[in-house]
């Protein structure tokens, strides 16, 4: 089953804020070298719709999650955004019982050309 229409919004993480952003430098955080190619994304948010089973462009089984996250604008006003996350079933299956609307989770993955996220790991919050 496919999500109709699929949301394709870019996932951008807001600038670090609070004590971590104030006291740390990129080298302290062990970030990738800007001169090297890196496509690593970390997204923390809430599943806003029940997961949908689908197939990747290569035909492999995936689970599609719509994740809502805090995305303040340039004036730091609170706002929410949504990102479509494609999770290979071999990653989703061990946690399938916990993947449902309203559940918080963290996704590690790579940004896709369509503005979504291809998950390489997920961690769900406690019940």
N, C-alpha and C. Protein backbone atom coordinates (compact mmCIF):
# COMPACT_ATOMS: atom_id res chain seq x y z
N UNK A 1 0.84 -1.17 0.00
CA UNK A 1 0.00 0.00 0.00
C UNK A 1 0.89 1.23 0.00
N UNK A 2 0.57 2.18 -0.81
CA UNK A 2 1.34 3.42 -0.89
C UNK A 2 0.60 4.55 -0.21
N UNK A 3 1.35 5.47 0.35
CA UNK A 3 0.74 6.67 0.91
C UNK A 3 0.36 7.59 -0.23
N UNK A 4 -0.88 8.06 -0.21
CA UNK A 4 -1.34 8.95 -1.27
C UNK A 4 -1.81 10.24 -0.65
N UNK A 5 -1.29 11.35 -0.94
CA UNK A 5 0.00 11.52 -1.61
C UNK A 5 1.13 11.38 -0.60
N UNK A 6 2.26 10.97 -1.06
CA UNK A 6 3.42 10.88 -0.18
C UNK A 6 3.96 12.27 0.06
N UNK A 7 4.29 12.54 1.29
CA UNK A 7 4.86 13.85 1.62
C UNK A 7 6.34 13.81 1.31
N UNK A 8 6.81 14.80 0.60
CA UNK A 8 8.22 14.88 0.23
C UNK A 8 8.77 16.23 0.67
N UNK A 9 9.00 16.38 1.95
CA UNK A 9 9.54 17.63 2.46
C UNK A 9 10.95 17.38 2.94
N UNK A 10 11.79 18.34 2.72
CA UNK A 10 13.18 18.20 3.15
C UNK A 10 13.26 18.15 4.66
N UNK A 11 14.13 17.30 5.16
CA UNK A 11 14.38 17.21 6.59
C UNK A 11 15.63 18.03 6.89
N UNK A 12 15.46 19.09 7.61
CA UNK A 12 16.61 19.90 8.01
C UNK A 12 16.62 19.97 9.52
N UNK A 13 17.76 19.74 10.10
CA UNK A 13 17.83 19.86 11.54
C UNK A 13 18.10 21.30 11.91
N UNK A 14 17.42 21.80 12.95
CA UNK A 14 17.67 23.18 13.37
C UNK A 14 19.07 23.32 13.95
N UNK A 15 19.54 24.56 14.00
CA UNK A 15 20.87 24.82 14.57
C UNK A 15 20.87 24.40 16.03
N UNK A 16 22.00 23.91 16.52
CA UNK A 16 22.07 23.53 17.93
C UNK A 16 21.70 24.70 18.83
N UNK A 17 21.00 24.40 19.90
CA UNK A 17 20.58 25.44 20.83
C UNK A 17 20.91 24.99 22.24
N UNK A 18 20.85 25.91 23.16
CA UNK A 18 21.06 25.56 24.55
C UNK A 18 22.51 25.26 24.86
N UNK A 19 22.75 24.58 25.98
CA UNK A 19 24.11 24.36 26.45
C UNK A 19 25.00 23.64 25.45
N UNK A 20 24.48 22.65 24.75
CA UNK A 20 25.31 21.90 23.81
C UNK A 20 25.81 22.81 22.69
N UNK A 21 24.90 23.58 22.06
CA UNK A 21 25.29 24.46 20.98
C UNK A 21 26.18 25.60 21.45
N UNK A 22 26.00 26.03 22.68
CA UNK A 22 26.77 27.16 23.18
C UNK A 22 28.19 26.77 23.56
N UNK A 23 28.41 25.55 24.00
CA UNK A 23 29.70 25.15 24.52
C UNK A 23 30.51 24.28 23.58
N UNK A 24 29.92 23.75 22.54
CA UNK A 24 30.59 22.77 21.70
C UNK A 24 30.97 23.37 20.35
N UNK A 25 32.03 22.85 19.80
CA UNK A 25 32.43 23.18 18.44
C UNK A 25 32.26 21.93 17.60
N UNK A 26 32.23 22.06 16.25
CA UNK A 26 32.08 20.86 15.43
C UNK A 26 33.10 19.77 15.74
N UNK A 27 34.34 20.15 16.06
CA UNK A 27 35.33 19.12 16.36
C UNK A 27 34.99 18.42 17.68
N UNK A 28 34.40 19.15 18.65
CA UNK A 28 33.98 18.53 19.90
C UNK A 28 32.88 17.50 19.67
N UNK A 29 32.01 17.78 18.70
CA UNK A 29 30.90 16.88 18.41
C UNK A 29 31.31 15.74 17.49
N UNK A 30 32.54 15.76 17.02
CA UNK A 30 33.05 14.73 16.12
C UNK A 30 32.23 14.65 14.83
N UNK A 31 31.96 15.81 14.23
CA UNK A 31 31.22 15.89 12.99
C UNK A 31 32.12 15.54 11.81
N UNK A 32 31.52 15.11 10.67
CA UNK A 32 32.33 14.82 9.49
C UNK A 32 33.06 16.07 9.00
N UNK A 33 34.17 15.85 8.35
CA UNK A 33 34.95 16.94 7.75
C UNK A 33 34.13 17.54 6.60
N UNK A 34 33.92 18.87 6.56
CA UNK A 34 33.14 19.49 5.50
C UNK A 34 33.73 19.27 4.11
N UNK A 35 35.00 18.94 4.04
CA UNK A 35 35.64 18.70 2.75
C UNK A 35 35.43 17.27 2.24
N UNK A 36 34.85 16.42 3.07
CA UNK A 36 34.58 15.04 2.67
C UNK A 36 33.09 14.87 2.43
N UNK A 37 32.74 13.99 1.52
CA UNK A 37 31.33 13.70 1.23
C UNK A 37 30.73 12.92 2.39
N UNK A 38 29.65 13.40 2.94
CA UNK A 38 28.96 12.70 4.02
C UNK A 38 27.47 12.99 3.89
N UNK A 39 26.67 11.98 4.03
CA UNK A 39 25.23 12.14 4.01
C UNK A 39 24.70 11.33 5.19
N UNK A 40 24.72 11.95 6.34
CA UNK A 40 24.28 11.30 7.56
C UNK A 40 23.24 12.20 8.21
N UNK A 41 22.09 11.63 8.54
CA UNK A 41 21.03 12.43 9.16
C UNK A 41 20.55 11.75 10.43
N UNK A 42 20.22 12.57 11.41
CA UNK A 42 19.65 12.10 12.66
C UNK A 42 18.34 12.86 12.85
N UNK A 43 17.26 12.14 13.01
CA UNK A 43 15.94 12.76 13.15
C UNK A 43 15.26 12.16 14.37
N UNK A 44 14.76 13.02 15.23
CA UNK A 44 13.99 12.60 16.39
C UNK A 44 12.61 13.21 16.26
N UNK A 45 11.58 12.42 16.39
CA UNK A 45 10.23 12.95 16.25
C UNK A 45 9.17 11.95 16.63
N UNK A 46 7.96 12.21 16.16
CA UNK A 46 6.79 11.40 16.49
C UNK A 46 6.17 10.85 15.21
N UNK A 47 5.84 9.57 15.23
CA UNK A 47 5.13 8.97 14.09
C UNK A 47 3.72 9.55 14.09
N UNK A 48 3.30 10.14 12.96
CA UNK A 48 1.99 10.81 12.94
C UNK A 48 0.90 10.01 12.25
N UNK A 49 1.26 8.96 11.52
CA UNK A 49 0.27 8.08 10.90
C UNK A 49 0.75 6.66 11.07
N UNK A 50 -0.18 5.73 11.06
CA UNK A 50 0.24 4.34 11.16
C UNK A 50 1.17 4.01 9.99
N UNK A 51 2.21 3.22 10.25
CA UNK A 51 3.16 2.86 9.20
C UNK A 51 2.48 2.16 8.02
N UNK A 52 3.02 2.36 6.85
CA UNK A 52 2.50 1.74 5.64
C UNK A 52 3.55 0.81 5.05
N UNK A 53 3.14 -0.37 4.65
CA UNK A 53 4.05 -1.29 3.96
C UNK A 53 4.09 -0.89 2.50
N UNK A 54 5.27 -0.97 1.91
CA UNK A 54 5.44 -0.58 0.51
C UNK A 54 6.65 -1.31 -0.04
N UNK A 55 7.08 -0.91 -1.21
CA UNK A 55 8.28 -1.47 -1.85
C UNK A 55 9.19 -0.32 -2.23
N UNK A 56 10.50 -0.55 -2.11
CA UNK A 56 11.47 0.45 -2.52
C UNK A 56 11.49 0.52 -4.05
N UNK A 57 12.27 1.44 -4.58
CA UNK A 57 12.38 1.54 -6.04
C UNK A 57 12.96 0.27 -6.65
N UNK A 58 13.74 -0.47 -5.83
CA UNK A 58 14.31 -1.74 -6.30
C UNK A 58 13.38 -2.92 -6.05
N UNK A 59 12.21 -2.68 -5.45
CA UNK A 59 11.25 -3.74 -5.20
C UNK A 59 11.40 -4.43 -3.86
N UNK A 60 12.32 -3.95 -3.02
CA UNK A 60 12.50 -4.56 -1.70
C UNK A 60 11.41 -4.07 -0.75
N UNK A 61 10.98 -4.92 0.20
CA UNK A 61 9.94 -4.49 1.14
C UNK A 61 10.46 -3.43 2.11
N UNK A 62 9.66 -2.38 2.28
CA UNK A 62 9.99 -1.30 3.21
C UNK A 62 8.76 -0.92 4.02
N UNK A 63 8.99 -0.18 5.07
CA UNK A 63 7.92 0.41 5.86
C UNK A 63 8.10 1.92 5.78
N UNK A 64 7.03 2.63 5.46
CA UNK A 64 7.09 4.09 5.32
C UNK A 64 6.47 4.72 6.57
N UNK A 65 7.26 5.60 7.18
CA UNK A 65 6.82 6.32 8.37
C UNK A 65 6.75 7.81 8.06
N UNK A 66 5.73 8.48 8.57
CA UNK A 66 5.68 9.94 8.51
C UNK A 66 6.00 10.44 9.90
N UNK A 67 7.10 11.20 9.99
CA UNK A 67 7.61 11.66 11.27
C UNK A 67 7.46 13.17 11.37
N UNK A 68 6.83 13.62 12.44
CA UNK A 68 6.70 15.05 12.72
C UNK A 68 7.81 15.44 13.69
N UNK A 69 8.39 16.62 13.45
CA UNK A 69 9.47 17.09 14.32
C UNK A 69 9.41 18.60 14.44
N UNK A 70 9.99 19.10 15.51
CA UNK A 70 10.05 20.54 15.76
C UNK A 70 11.00 21.18 14.76
N UNK A 71 10.56 22.21 14.05
CA UNK A 71 11.38 22.87 13.04
C UNK A 71 11.16 24.37 13.11
N UNK A 72 11.82 25.05 14.06
CA UNK A 72 11.62 26.49 14.18
C UNK A 72 12.10 27.22 12.94
N UNK A 73 11.47 28.36 12.65
CA UNK A 73 11.89 29.15 11.49
C UNK A 73 13.06 30.05 11.86
N UNK A 74 13.44 30.93 10.96
CA UNK A 74 14.62 31.77 11.16
C UNK A 74 14.48 32.72 12.34
N UNK A 75 13.25 32.95 12.80
CA UNK A 75 13.05 33.81 13.97
C UNK A 75 12.82 32.98 15.22
N UNK A 76 13.14 31.70 15.12
CA UNK A 76 13.03 30.76 16.24
C UNK A 76 11.60 30.60 16.75
N UNK A 77 10.62 30.85 15.88
CA UNK A 77 9.24 30.56 16.25
C UNK A 77 9.03 29.06 16.12
N UNK A 78 8.28 28.52 17.05
CA UNK A 78 8.02 27.07 17.03
C UNK A 78 7.14 26.72 15.83
N UNK A 79 7.52 25.66 15.17
CA UNK A 79 6.74 25.15 14.06
C UNK A 79 7.02 23.66 13.95
N UNK A 80 6.19 22.95 13.25
CA UNK A 80 6.38 21.52 13.05
C UNK A 80 6.54 21.25 11.56
N UNK A 81 7.30 20.23 11.25
CA UNK A 81 7.48 19.79 9.87
C UNK A 81 7.31 18.28 9.85
N UNK A 82 7.18 17.74 8.65
CA UNK A 82 6.99 16.30 8.48
C UNK A 82 8.03 15.78 7.50
N UNK A 83 8.55 14.60 7.79
CA UNK A 83 9.52 13.95 6.91
C UNK A 83 9.06 12.52 6.66
N UNK A 84 9.14 12.10 5.42
CA UNK A 84 8.84 10.71 5.08
C UNK A 84 10.10 9.89 5.26
N UNK A 85 9.99 8.82 6.03
CA UNK A 85 11.13 7.96 6.31
C UNK A 85 10.84 6.57 5.75
N UNK A 86 11.74 6.10 4.90
CA UNK A 86 11.63 4.75 4.35
C UNK A 86 12.56 3.84 5.14
N UNK A 87 11.99 2.79 5.73
CA UNK A 87 12.74 1.89 6.59
C UNK A 87 12.74 0.49 5.96
N UNK A 88 13.91 -0.05 5.60
CA UNK A 88 13.92 -1.43 5.10
C UNK A 88 13.29 -2.35 6.14
N UNK A 89 12.51 -3.33 5.67
CA UNK A 89 11.80 -4.21 6.60
C UNK A 89 12.73 -4.97 7.54
N UNK A 90 13.96 -5.25 7.12
CA UNK A 90 14.86 -5.95 8.04
C UNK A 90 15.22 -5.08 9.25
N UNK A 91 15.09 -3.77 9.11
CA UNK A 91 15.30 -2.86 10.24
C UNK A 91 13.99 -2.64 10.99
N UNK A 92 12.87 -2.54 10.28
CA UNK A 92 11.57 -2.27 10.91
C UNK A 92 11.00 -3.49 11.63
N UNK A 93 11.19 -4.68 11.09
CA UNK A 93 10.52 -5.88 11.63
C UNK A 93 10.78 -6.12 13.12
N UNK A 94 12.01 -6.02 13.62
CA UNK A 94 12.22 -6.28 15.05
C UNK A 94 11.46 -5.32 15.97
N UNK A 95 11.07 -4.16 15.46
CA UNK A 95 10.37 -3.16 16.27
C UNK A 95 8.95 -2.90 15.78
N UNK A 96 8.46 -3.72 14.88
CA UNK A 96 7.18 -3.47 14.23
C UNK A 96 6.04 -3.23 15.22
N UNK A 97 6.00 -3.96 16.31
CA UNK A 97 4.94 -3.80 17.31
C UNK A 97 4.94 -2.43 17.96
N UNK A 98 6.06 -1.74 17.95
CA UNK A 98 6.17 -0.41 18.55
C UNK A 98 6.05 0.70 17.52
N UNK A 99 5.97 0.38 16.25
CA UNK A 99 5.86 1.40 15.20
C UNK A 99 4.38 1.69 14.96
N UNK A 100 3.91 2.75 15.63
CA UNK A 100 2.51 3.14 15.47
C UNK A 100 2.38 4.64 15.71
N UNK A 101 1.28 5.20 15.24
CA UNK A 101 1.05 6.64 15.39
C UNK A 101 1.13 7.04 16.85
N UNK A 102 1.79 8.17 17.10
CA UNK A 102 1.94 8.70 18.44
C UNK A 102 3.22 8.27 19.14
N UNK A 103 3.93 7.33 18.56
CA UNK A 103 5.16 6.82 19.18
C UNK A 103 6.35 7.69 18.82
N UNK A 104 7.20 8.01 19.80
CA UNK A 104 8.42 8.78 19.57
C UNK A 104 9.51 7.83 19.11
N UNK A 105 10.41 8.33 18.26
CA UNK A 105 11.53 7.52 17.84
C UNK A 105 12.67 8.39 17.34
N UNK A 106 13.82 7.76 17.19
CA UNK A 106 15.00 8.39 16.62
C UNK A 106 15.35 7.58 15.38
N UNK A 107 15.65 8.28 14.29
CA UNK A 107 16.02 7.63 13.03
C UNK A 107 17.42 8.11 12.64
N UNK A 108 18.26 7.19 12.29
CA UNK A 108 19.57 7.51 11.72
C UNK A 108 19.50 7.03 10.28
N UNK A 109 19.94 7.86 9.35
CA UNK A 109 19.87 7.46 7.96
C UNK A 109 20.56 8.43 7.04
N UNK A 110 20.10 8.41 5.79
CA UNK A 110 20.66 9.25 4.74
C UNK A 110 19.53 9.99 4.06
N UNK A 111 19.76 11.26 3.75
CA UNK A 111 18.77 12.04 3.02
C UNK A 111 18.66 11.49 1.60
N UNK A 112 17.43 11.44 1.10
CA UNK A 112 17.20 10.98 -0.27
C UNK A 112 17.10 12.19 -1.19
N UNK A 113 17.21 11.95 -2.48
CA UNK A 113 17.08 13.03 -3.46
C UNK A 113 15.69 13.64 -3.47
N UNK A 114 14.70 12.91 -2.97
CA UNK A 114 13.33 13.41 -2.94
C UNK A 114 13.01 14.16 -1.66
N UNK A 115 14.01 14.36 -0.80
CA UNK A 115 13.81 15.11 0.43
C UNK A 115 13.35 14.29 1.61
N UNK A 116 13.29 12.99 1.46
CA UNK A 116 12.93 12.12 2.57
C UNK A 116 14.18 11.58 3.24
N UNK A 117 14.01 10.52 3.99
CA UNK A 117 15.11 9.91 4.73
C UNK A 117 15.07 8.41 4.53
N UNK A 118 16.22 7.82 4.19
CA UNK A 118 16.36 6.36 4.07
C UNK A 118 17.00 5.90 5.37
N UNK A 119 16.26 5.15 6.19
CA UNK A 119 16.73 4.77 7.52
C UNK A 119 17.78 3.67 7.45
N UNK A 120 18.82 3.83 8.27
CA UNK A 120 19.80 2.77 8.46
C UNK A 120 19.70 2.20 9.87
N UNK A 121 18.98 2.90 10.77
CA UNK A 121 18.72 2.40 12.13
C UNK A 121 17.57 3.22 12.70
N UNK A 122 16.77 2.56 13.55
CA UNK A 122 15.70 3.26 14.27
C UNK A 122 15.73 2.80 15.72
N UNK A 123 15.34 3.71 16.61
CA UNK A 123 15.23 3.40 18.02
C UNK A 123 13.91 3.99 18.50
N UNK A 124 13.03 3.15 19.04
CA UNK A 124 11.75 3.64 19.52
C UNK A 124 11.85 3.92 21.01
N UNK A 125 11.01 4.86 21.45
CA UNK A 125 10.96 5.18 22.86
C UNK A 125 10.29 4.07 23.66
N UNK A 126 10.40 4.16 24.96
CA UNK A 126 9.75 3.17 25.84
C UNK A 126 8.25 3.37 25.81
N UNK A 127 7.48 2.29 26.08
CA UNK A 127 6.02 2.41 26.10
C UNK A 127 5.53 3.36 27.16
